[in-house]
Amino acid sequence: MSTKTKLYIFGSALLIVIVLGVYVYFKYFFTYEQKNITQRKIETITGQNLTITIFGYDGKLIKRWYGVQKITTPKDSRNYSYFYTRDGKYVQIPGQVWYIAEEE
């Protein structure tokens, strides 16, 4: 076997070991909070550019925000959604209100 082939096999095996190690580390040694922080950082980098429109029960437009990076709805029993505006202001929308989040 040539040196080039041995180097290729060694490099491939090393890459597989590294990928499996990273997977095991993130799967079993990351706390729930660390996973959420990492996910938020990734979503911040890959954020969207949304337009959020709030409607009343009669279908009339109440308020509209542009350039929202993401809108979040907690997975626990709380019934609301929230987001941050371009200016960094926190906006919370009750679950009973109709809204549309569209990509610009």
N, C-alpha and C. Protein backbone atom coordinates (compact mmCIF):
# COMPACT_ATOMS: atom_id res chain seq x y z
N MET A 1 0.84 -1.18 0.00
CA MET A 1 0.00 0.00 0.00
C MET A 1 0.88 1.25 0.00
N SER A 2 0.52 2.21 -0.79
CA SER A 2 1.33 3.42 -0.90
C SER A 2 1.07 4.36 0.29
N THR A 3 1.97 5.28 0.45
CA THR A 3 1.86 6.25 1.53
C THR A 3 0.63 7.14 1.34
N LYS A 4 0.33 7.46 0.11
CA LYS A 4 -0.84 8.30 -0.18
C LYS A 4 -2.12 7.60 0.24
N THR A 5 -2.24 6.32 -0.03
CA THR A 5 -3.43 5.55 0.35
C THR A 5 -3.55 5.45 1.87
N LYS A 6 -2.42 5.19 2.55
CA LYS A 6 -2.42 5.11 4.01
C LYS A 6 -2.84 6.45 4.62
N LEU A 7 -2.34 7.52 4.07
CA LEU A 7 -2.70 8.85 4.57
C LEU A 7 -4.19 9.14 4.35
N TYR A 8 -4.72 8.74 3.22
CA TYR A 8 -6.15 8.92 2.93
C TYR A 8 -7.00 8.12 3.91
N ILE A 9 -6.65 6.88 4.17
CA ILE A 9 -7.41 6.04 5.11
C ILE A 9 -7.32 6.62 6.52
N PHE A 10 -6.13 7.03 6.94
CA PHE A 10 -5.96 7.62 8.27
C PHE A 10 -6.76 8.91 8.40
N GLY A 11 -6.73 9.76 7.39
CA GLY A 11 -7.49 11.01 7.42
C GLY A 11 -8.98 10.78 7.48
N SER A 12 -9.48 9.81 6.71
CA SER A 12 -10.90 9.48 6.73
C SER A 12 -11.33 8.95 8.08
N ALA A 13 -10.52 8.06 8.67
CA ALA A 13 -10.84 7.50 9.99
C ALA A 13 -10.82 8.59 11.05
N LEU A 14 -9.86 9.48 10.98
CA LEU A 14 -9.78 10.59 11.93
C LEU A 14 -10.98 11.51 11.82
N LEU A 15 -11.41 11.80 10.61
CA LEU A 15 -12.58 12.64 10.40
C LEU A 15 -13.84 11.99 10.97
N ILE A 16 -14.01 10.70 10.77
CA ILE A 16 -15.17 9.98 11.31
C ILE A 16 -15.15 10.01 12.84
N VAL A 17 -13.99 9.80 13.44
CA VAL A 17 -13.88 9.83 14.91
C VAL A 17 -14.21 11.23 15.44
N ILE A 18 -13.75 12.27 14.78
CA ILE A 18 -14.04 13.64 15.21
C ILE A 18 -15.53 13.95 15.12
N VAL A 19 -16.14 13.57 14.00
CA VAL A 19 -17.58 13.83 13.82
C VAL A 19 -18.38 13.08 14.87
N LEU A 20 -18.06 11.82 15.13
CA LEU A 20 -18.77 11.05 16.16
C LEU A 20 -18.54 11.64 17.55
N GLY A 21 -17.33 12.10 17.81
CA GLY A 21 -17.04 12.72 19.10
C GLY A 21 -17.84 13.99 19.32
N VAL A 22 -17.91 14.83 18.31
CA VAL A 22 -18.70 16.06 18.41
C VAL A 22 -20.18 15.73 18.61
N TYR A 23 -20.69 14.75 17.88
CA TYR A 23 -22.09 14.35 18.03
C TYR A 23 -22.38 13.86 19.45
N VAL A 24 -21.55 12.99 19.97
CA VAL A 24 -21.75 12.46 21.33
C VAL A 24 -21.65 13.58 22.35
N TYR A 25 -20.69 14.48 22.16
CA TYR A 25 -20.54 15.59 23.10
C TYR A 25 -21.80 16.45 23.14
N PHE A 26 -22.30 16.87 21.97
CA PHE A 26 -23.49 17.72 21.94
C PHE A 26 -24.73 16.97 22.38
N LYS A 27 -24.82 15.70 22.10
CA LYS A 27 -26.01 14.92 22.43
C LYS A 27 -26.11 14.62 23.93
N TYR A 28 -24.99 14.23 24.55
CA TYR A 28 -25.05 13.73 25.91
C TYR A 28 -24.41 14.62 26.98
N PHE A 29 -23.56 15.55 26.62
CA PHE A 29 -22.86 16.34 27.62
C PHE A 29 -23.26 17.81 27.61
N PHE A 30 -24.13 18.21 26.73
CA PHE A 30 -24.65 19.58 26.70
C PHE A 30 -25.90 19.63 27.57
N THR A 31 -26.00 20.66 28.42
CA THR A 31 -27.22 20.81 29.20
C THR A 31 -28.31 21.41 28.31
N TYR A 32 -29.54 21.35 28.79
CA TYR A 32 -30.66 21.91 28.03
C TYR A 32 -30.44 23.39 27.75
N GLU A 33 -29.94 24.11 28.75
CA GLU A 33 -29.71 25.54 28.59
C GLU A 33 -28.61 25.81 27.56
N GLN A 34 -27.53 25.03 27.58
CA GLN A 34 -26.47 25.20 26.59
C GLN A 34 -26.97 24.92 25.17
N LYS A 35 -27.85 23.91 25.03
CA LYS A 35 -28.42 23.62 23.72
C LYS A 35 -29.25 24.79 23.22
N ASN A 36 -30.05 25.39 24.11
CA ASN A 36 -30.88 26.53 23.72
C ASN A 36 -30.02 27.73 23.33
N ILE A 37 -28.96 27.99 24.09
CA ILE A 37 -28.09 29.12 23.78
C ILE A 37 -27.43 28.92 22.42
N THR A 38 -26.93 27.71 22.18
CA THR A 38 -26.30 27.41 20.89
C THR A 38 -27.29 27.54 19.75
N GLN A 39 -28.51 27.03 19.96
CA GLN A 39 -29.54 27.12 18.92
C GLN A 39 -29.88 28.58 18.64
N ARG A 40 -30.00 29.40 19.68
CA ARG A 40 -30.30 30.83 19.48
C ARG A 40 -29.18 31.53 18.72
N LYS A 41 -27.94 31.18 19.03
CA LYS A 41 -26.82 31.80 18.31
C LYS A 41 -26.85 31.43 16.84
N ILE A 42 -27.15 30.17 16.54
CA ILE A 42 -27.25 29.74 15.14
C ILE A 42 -28.40 30.46 14.46
N GLU A 43 -29.55 30.57 15.14
CA GLU A 43 -30.71 31.24 14.55
C GLU A 43 -30.45 32.73 14.37
N THR A 44 -29.63 33.32 15.24
CA THR A 44 -29.29 34.73 15.09
C THR A 44 -28.47 34.94 13.82
N ILE A 45 -27.56 34.02 13.57
CA ILE A 45 -26.74 34.12 12.36
C ILE A 45 -27.59 33.89 11.12
N THR A 46 -28.50 32.92 11.19
CA THR A 46 -29.33 32.58 10.03
C THR A 46 -30.73 33.17 10.15
N GLY A 47 -30.87 34.28 10.88
CA GLY A 47 -32.18 34.88 11.14
C GLY A 47 -32.94 35.26 9.88
N GLN A 48 -34.22 35.43 10.05
CA GLN A 48 -35.08 35.78 8.94
C GLN A 48 -35.38 37.27 8.98
N ASN A 49 -35.99 37.76 7.95
CA ASN A 49 -36.40 39.14 7.87
C ASN A 49 -37.92 39.12 7.73
N LEU A 50 -38.64 39.19 8.85
CA LEU A 50 -40.08 38.99 8.86
C LEU A 50 -40.85 40.30 8.99
N THR A 51 -42.07 40.28 8.48
CA THR A 51 -43.05 41.32 8.73
C THR A 51 -44.13 40.70 9.59
N ILE A 52 -44.37 41.27 10.77
CA ILE A 52 -45.39 40.78 11.70
C ILE A 52 -46.57 41.73 11.63
N THR A 53 -47.75 41.18 11.34
CA THR A 53 -48.97 41.97 11.26
C THR A 53 -49.97 41.45 12.27
N ILE A 54 -50.52 42.35 13.10
CA ILE A 54 -51.51 42.00 14.13
C ILE A 54 -52.87 42.45 13.63
N PHE A 55 -53.86 41.56 13.74
CA PHE A 55 -55.23 41.85 13.32
C PHE A 55 -56.16 41.79 14.52
N GLY A 56 -57.23 42.61 14.48
CA GLY A 56 -58.27 42.55 15.48
C GLY A 56 -59.27 41.45 15.14
N TYR A 57 -60.22 41.22 16.02
CA TYR A 57 -61.23 40.18 15.78
C TYR A 57 -62.11 40.51 14.58
N ASP A 58 -62.21 41.79 14.25
CA ASP A 58 -63.02 42.20 13.11
C ASP A 58 -62.23 42.15 11.80
N GLY A 59 -60.95 41.75 11.86
CA GLY A 59 -60.12 41.63 10.67
C GLY A 59 -59.36 42.89 10.29
N LYS A 60 -59.52 43.95 11.07
CA LYS A 60 -58.80 45.19 10.78
C LYS A 60 -57.36 45.11 11.27
N LEU A 61 -56.48 45.74 10.52
CA LEU A 61 -55.08 45.78 10.87
C LEU A 61 -54.89 46.65 12.11
N ILE A 62 -54.20 46.13 13.11
CA ILE A 62 -53.95 46.90 14.33
C ILE A 62 -52.54 47.49 14.33
N LYS A 63 -51.54 46.65 14.06
CA LYS A 63 -50.15 47.12 14.10
C LYS A 63 -49.30 46.23 13.19
N ARG A 64 -48.22 46.80 12.65
CA ARG A 64 -47.32 46.04 11.77
C ARG A 64 -45.88 46.42 12.11
N TRP A 65 -45.00 45.41 12.19
CA TRP A 65 -43.58 45.61 12.42
C TRP A 65 -42.81 45.01 11.25
N TYR A 66 -41.74 45.67 10.85
CA TYR A 66 -40.90 45.20 9.75
C TYR A 66 -39.52 44.83 10.27
N GLY A 67 -38.85 43.92 9.59
CA GLY A 67 -37.46 43.59 9.90
C GLY A 67 -37.27 42.79 11.17
N VAL A 68 -38.26 42.00 11.56
CA VAL A 68 -38.15 41.17 12.76
C VAL A 68 -37.33 39.93 12.40
N GLN A 69 -36.33 39.62 13.23
CA GLN A 69 -35.44 38.49 12.94
C GLN A 69 -36.11 37.15 13.19
N LYS A 70 -36.87 37.02 14.27
CA LYS A 70 -37.59 35.77 14.53
C LYS A 70 -38.69 36.02 15.54
N ILE A 71 -39.70 35.17 15.50
CA ILE A 71 -40.80 35.22 16.46
C ILE A 71 -40.80 33.88 17.19
N THR A 72 -41.01 33.92 18.51
CA THR A 72 -40.89 32.73 19.35
C THR A 72 -42.17 32.50 20.12
N THR A 73 -42.58 31.24 20.20
CA THR A 73 -43.70 30.82 21.04
C THR A 73 -43.17 29.79 22.02
N PRO A 74 -43.23 30.06 23.34
CA PRO A 74 -42.71 29.09 24.31
C PRO A 74 -43.45 27.75 24.21
N LYS A 75 -42.73 26.67 24.49
CA LYS A 75 -43.32 25.34 24.38
C LYS A 75 -44.07 24.91 25.63
N ASP A 76 -43.93 25.68 26.72
CA ASP A 76 -44.65 25.30 27.93
C ASP A 76 -46.08 25.83 27.88
N SER A 77 -46.76 25.87 28.99
CA SER A 77 -48.20 26.16 29.01
C SER A 77 -48.54 27.64 28.79
N ARG A 78 -47.54 28.51 28.75
CA ARG A 78 -47.84 29.93 28.53
C ARG A 78 -48.39 30.12 27.12
N ASN A 79 -49.36 31.00 26.98
CA ASN A 79 -50.07 31.15 25.71
C ASN A 79 -49.79 32.52 25.12
N TYR A 80 -48.59 32.70 24.57
CA TYR A 80 -48.23 33.95 23.93
C TYR A 80 -47.07 33.71 22.97
N SER A 81 -46.80 34.70 22.15
CA SER A 81 -45.63 34.72 21.28
C SER A 81 -44.91 36.03 21.52
N TYR A 82 -43.61 36.06 21.23
CA TYR A 82 -42.87 37.30 21.43
C TYR A 82 -41.78 37.43 20.38
N PHE A 83 -41.30 38.67 20.23
CA PHE A 83 -40.21 38.97 19.32
C PHE A 83 -39.58 40.28 19.73
N TYR A 84 -38.45 40.59 19.12
CA TYR A 84 -37.76 41.86 19.34
C TYR A 84 -37.78 42.65 18.03
N THR A 85 -38.06 43.94 18.13
CA THR A 85 -38.11 44.79 16.94
C THR A 85 -36.69 45.15 16.50
N ARG A 86 -36.59 45.88 15.40
CA ARG A 86 -35.27 46.35 14.93
C ARG A 86 -34.56 47.18 15.97
N ASP A 87 -35.33 47.93 16.76
CA ASP A 87 -34.78 48.81 17.79
C ASP A 87 -34.44 48.07 19.07
N GLY A 88 -34.69 46.76 19.12
CA GLY A 88 -34.41 45.97 20.31
C GLY A 88 -35.52 45.99 21.34
N LYS A 89 -36.69 46.47 20.97
CA LYS A 89 -37.81 46.51 21.91
C LYS A 89 -38.52 45.16 21.93
N TYR A 90 -38.89 44.72 23.12
CA TYR A 90 -39.58 43.44 23.32
C TYR A 90 -41.07 43.62 23.07
N VAL A 91 -41.67 42.75 22.25
CA VAL A 91 -43.10 42.80 21.97
C VAL A 91 -43.68 41.42 22.26
N GLN A 92 -44.73 41.40 23.06
CA GLN A 92 -45.39 40.14 23.41
C GLN A 92 -46.81 40.16 22.86
N ILE A 93 -47.19 39.08 22.19
CA ILE A 93 -48.50 38.98 21.56
C ILE A 93 -49.30 37.90 22.29
N PRO A 94 -50.47 38.23 22.85
CA PRO A 94 -51.28 37.20 23.50
C PRO A 94 -51.75 36.15 22.49
N GLY A 95 -51.99 34.95 22.97
CA GLY A 95 -52.41 33.86 22.11
C GLY A 95 -53.78 34.06 21.48
N GLN A 96 -54.60 34.94 22.03
CA GLN A 96 -55.95 35.17 21.51
C GLN A 96 -55.96 36.12 20.32
N VAL A 97 -54.83 36.76 20.02
CA VAL A 97 -54.76 37.74 18.95
C VAL A 97 -54.29 37.05 17.67
N TRP A 98 -54.86 37.44 16.57
CA TRP A 98 -54.45 36.90 15.27
C TRP A 98 -53.27 37.68 14.74
N TYR A 99 -52.27 36.95 14.24
CA TYR A 99 -51.14 37.62 13.62
C TYR A 99 -50.62 36.78 12.45
N ILE A 100 -49.93 37.45 11.56
CA ILE A 100 -49.30 36.79 10.42
C ILE A 100 -47.83 37.20 10.43
N ALA A 101 -46.95 36.22 10.29
CA ALA A 101 -45.51 36.47 10.16
C ALA A 101 -45.10 36.08 8.76
N GLU A 102 -44.71 37.06 7.96
CA GLU A 102 -44.36 36.81 6.55
C GLU A 102 -42.91 37.20 6.31
N GLU A 103 -42.24 36.45 5.44
CA GLU A 103 -40.89 36.84 5.04
C GLU A 103 -40.99 38.00 4.07
N GLU A 104 -40.09 38.97 4.25
CA GLU A 104 -40.07 40.14 3.36
C GLU A 104 -39.44 39.79 2.04
